[in-house]
N, C-alpha and C. Protein backbone atom coordinates (compact mmCIF):
# COMPACT_ATOMS: atom_id res chain seq x y z
N MET A 1 107.81 -29.64 43.25
CA MET A 1 107.07 -29.63 41.91
C MET A 1 107.48 -28.20 41.19
N ASN A 2 107.72 -28.31 39.92
CA ASN A 2 108.00 -27.26 39.05
C ASN A 2 106.75 -26.43 38.65
N GLU A 3 106.97 -25.39 38.00
CA GLU A 3 105.81 -24.64 37.42
C GLU A 3 105.02 -25.25 36.37
N ASP A 4 105.88 -26.07 35.41
CA ASP A 4 105.03 -26.80 34.32
C ASP A 4 104.29 -27.86 35.05
N GLN A 5 104.70 -28.65 35.97
CA GLN A 5 103.90 -29.67 36.67
C GLN A 5 102.63 -29.00 37.26
N LYS A 6 102.94 -27.83 37.99
CA LYS A 6 101.80 -27.32 38.60
C LYS A 6 100.74 -26.91 37.57
N ALA A 7 101.21 -26.34 36.36
CA ALA A 7 100.23 -25.94 35.29
C ALA A 7 99.47 -27.04 34.77
N ASN A 8 100.32 -28.14 34.47
CA ASN A 8 99.67 -29.37 33.98
C ASN A 8 98.55 -29.85 34.84
N LEU A 9 99.00 -29.83 36.20
CA LEU A 9 97.96 -30.44 37.29
C LEU A 9 96.66 -29.57 37.30
N LYS A 10 97.10 -28.29 37.25
CA LYS A 10 95.79 -27.32 37.31
C LYS A 10 94.95 -27.47 35.98
N ASN A 11 95.32 -27.79 34.90
CA ASN A 11 94.53 -28.00 33.63
C ASN A 11 93.98 -29.32 33.72
N LEU A 12 94.55 -30.34 34.28
CA LEU A 12 93.80 -31.56 34.33
C LEU A 12 92.78 -31.50 35.39
N SER A 13 92.98 -30.81 36.46
CA SER A 13 91.92 -30.78 37.41
C SER A 13 90.71 -29.99 36.87
N GLU A 14 90.97 -28.95 36.13
CA GLU A 14 89.89 -28.09 35.48
C GLU A 14 89.01 -28.99 34.44
N HIS A 15 89.85 -29.80 33.68
CA HIS A 15 89.10 -30.73 32.73
C HIS A 15 88.37 -31.79 33.37
N ALA A 16 88.79 -32.19 34.40
CA ALA A 16 88.05 -33.29 35.28
C ALA A 16 86.83 -32.67 35.80
N LEU A 17 86.88 -31.45 36.31
CA LEU A 17 85.85 -30.71 36.85
C LEU A 17 84.74 -30.41 35.84
N HIS A 18 85.10 -30.15 34.70
CA HIS A 18 84.22 -29.85 33.66
C HIS A 18 83.57 -31.17 33.13
N GLY A 19 84.23 -32.27 33.18
CA GLY A 19 83.62 -33.55 32.87
C GLY A 19 82.59 -33.95 33.90
N VAL A 20 83.01 -33.60 35.19
CA VAL A 20 81.90 -33.93 36.17
C VAL A 20 80.82 -33.12 35.94
N GLU A 21 81.02 -31.85 35.74
CA GLU A 21 79.78 -30.94 35.52
C GLU A 21 78.94 -31.39 34.40
N ASP A 22 79.54 -31.75 33.33
CA ASP A 22 78.82 -32.25 32.11
C ASP A 22 78.00 -33.52 32.45
N ALA A 23 78.66 -34.49 33.21
CA ALA A 23 77.90 -35.73 33.55
C ALA A 23 76.79 -35.27 34.45
N ALA A 24 76.90 -34.45 35.42
CA ALA A 24 75.81 -34.01 36.32
C ALA A 24 74.64 -33.37 35.58
N ASP A 25 74.95 -32.60 34.42
CA ASP A 25 74.11 -31.90 33.52
C ASP A 25 73.28 -33.12 32.88
N VAL A 26 73.98 -34.06 32.24
CA VAL A 26 73.25 -35.09 31.57
C VAL A 26 72.33 -35.84 32.45
N VAL A 27 72.80 -36.32 33.59
CA VAL A 27 71.92 -36.90 34.60
C VAL A 27 70.72 -36.05 34.97
N GLY A 28 70.88 -34.81 35.11
CA GLY A 28 69.84 -33.98 35.38
C GLY A 28 68.79 -33.78 34.37
N HIS A 29 69.31 -33.77 33.25
CA HIS A 29 68.32 -33.76 31.96
C HIS A 29 67.51 -35.06 31.88
N GLY A 30 68.40 -36.15 32.15
CA GLY A 30 67.67 -37.57 32.11
C GLY A 30 66.52 -37.65 33.17
N LEU A 31 66.95 -37.23 34.33
CA LEU A 31 65.93 -37.31 35.40
C LEU A 31 64.68 -36.40 35.10
N GLY A 32 65.04 -35.21 34.60
CA GLY A 32 63.88 -34.36 34.27
C GLY A 32 62.94 -34.75 33.18
N GLY A 33 63.62 -35.52 32.10
CA GLY A 33 62.83 -36.33 31.11
C GLY A 33 62.04 -37.39 31.68
N ALA A 34 62.66 -38.17 32.69
CA ALA A 34 62.05 -39.34 33.20
C ALA A 34 60.60 -38.78 33.96
N VAL A 35 60.75 -37.70 34.67
CA VAL A 35 59.67 -37.14 35.37
C VAL A 35 58.67 -36.72 34.51
N LYS A 36 59.02 -36.00 33.43
CA LYS A 36 58.03 -35.60 32.54
C LYS A 36 57.32 -36.73 31.64
N GLY A 37 58.10 -37.81 31.51
CA GLY A 37 57.38 -38.93 30.96
C GLY A 37 56.51 -39.59 31.81
N VAL A 38 56.81 -39.76 33.09
CA VAL A 38 55.81 -40.23 34.09
C VAL A 38 54.56 -39.29 34.16
N ALA A 39 54.69 -38.07 34.16
CA ALA A 39 53.68 -37.07 34.19
C ALA A 39 52.76 -37.20 32.98
N ASP A 40 53.49 -37.44 31.72
CA ASP A 40 52.61 -37.63 30.57
C ASP A 40 51.86 -38.85 30.65
N GLY A 41 52.57 -40.03 31.12
CA GLY A 41 51.83 -41.18 31.14
C GLY A 41 50.80 -41.15 32.20
N VAL A 42 50.70 -40.42 33.27
CA VAL A 42 49.67 -40.37 34.26
C VAL A 42 48.54 -39.61 33.64
N GLU A 43 48.90 -38.52 32.87
CA GLU A 43 47.82 -37.67 32.14
C GLU A 43 47.21 -38.59 31.03
N SER A 44 47.97 -39.35 30.36
CA SER A 44 47.33 -40.10 29.43
C SER A 44 46.29 -41.12 30.01
N VAL A 45 46.66 -41.92 30.97
CA VAL A 45 45.88 -42.84 31.67
C VAL A 45 44.59 -42.05 32.37
N SER A 46 44.91 -41.04 32.91
CA SER A 46 43.69 -40.23 33.46
C SER A 46 42.71 -39.80 32.44
N THR A 47 43.10 -39.39 31.28
CA THR A 47 42.28 -39.01 30.20
C THR A 47 41.47 -40.31 29.76
N THR A 48 42.15 -41.32 29.50
CA THR A 48 41.46 -42.58 29.02
C THR A 48 40.44 -43.04 30.14
N SER A 49 40.85 -42.98 31.43
CA SER A 49 39.86 -43.37 32.46
C SER A 49 38.53 -42.40 32.47
N GLN A 50 38.91 -41.15 32.15
CA GLN A 50 37.86 -40.23 32.19
C GLN A 50 36.76 -40.44 31.04
N THR A 51 37.45 -40.81 29.96
CA THR A 51 36.66 -41.12 28.66
C THR A 51 35.82 -42.37 29.02
N ARG A 52 36.41 -43.43 29.64
CA ARG A 52 35.48 -44.54 30.03
C ARG A 52 34.31 -44.24 30.92
N LYS A 53 34.65 -43.47 31.78
CA LYS A 53 33.51 -42.95 32.84
C LYS A 53 32.44 -42.34 32.09
N GLU A 54 32.70 -41.42 31.25
CA GLU A 54 31.92 -40.62 30.39
C GLU A 54 30.91 -41.64 29.65
N LYS A 55 31.65 -42.55 28.95
CA LYS A 55 30.94 -43.50 28.01
C LYS A 55 29.88 -44.42 28.92
N ALA A 56 30.57 -44.75 30.15
CA ALA A 56 29.62 -45.57 30.95
C ALA A 56 28.55 -44.76 31.31
N THR A 57 28.52 -43.51 31.72
CA THR A 57 27.43 -42.69 32.22
C THR A 57 26.48 -42.52 31.05
N GLU A 58 26.90 -42.32 29.86
CA GLU A 58 26.20 -42.18 28.75
C GLU A 58 25.27 -43.41 28.42
N GLU A 59 25.87 -44.57 28.73
CA GLU A 59 25.21 -45.88 28.39
C GLU A 59 24.16 -46.26 29.53
N ASP A 60 24.43 -45.68 30.77
CA ASP A 60 23.48 -45.82 31.87
C ASP A 60 22.20 -44.91 31.67
N VAL A 61 22.49 -43.87 31.01
CA VAL A 61 21.30 -42.87 30.75
C VAL A 61 20.51 -43.43 29.68
N LYS A 62 21.10 -44.15 28.71
CA LYS A 62 20.11 -44.64 27.57
C LYS A 62 19.16 -45.72 28.01
């Protein structure tokens, strides 16, 4: 293998590694967004449930 082939192979491997890093970064952000979305959903449902409980308690008091 001559020096030009070695240099080309090295460049290709560096580009491939950067592509893998970028893909992992995108997946990581996607998972982080999914977790945040689930947490926001749980918070929303919890708030709605608490509001229902408070209304029910107010009606019971009347």
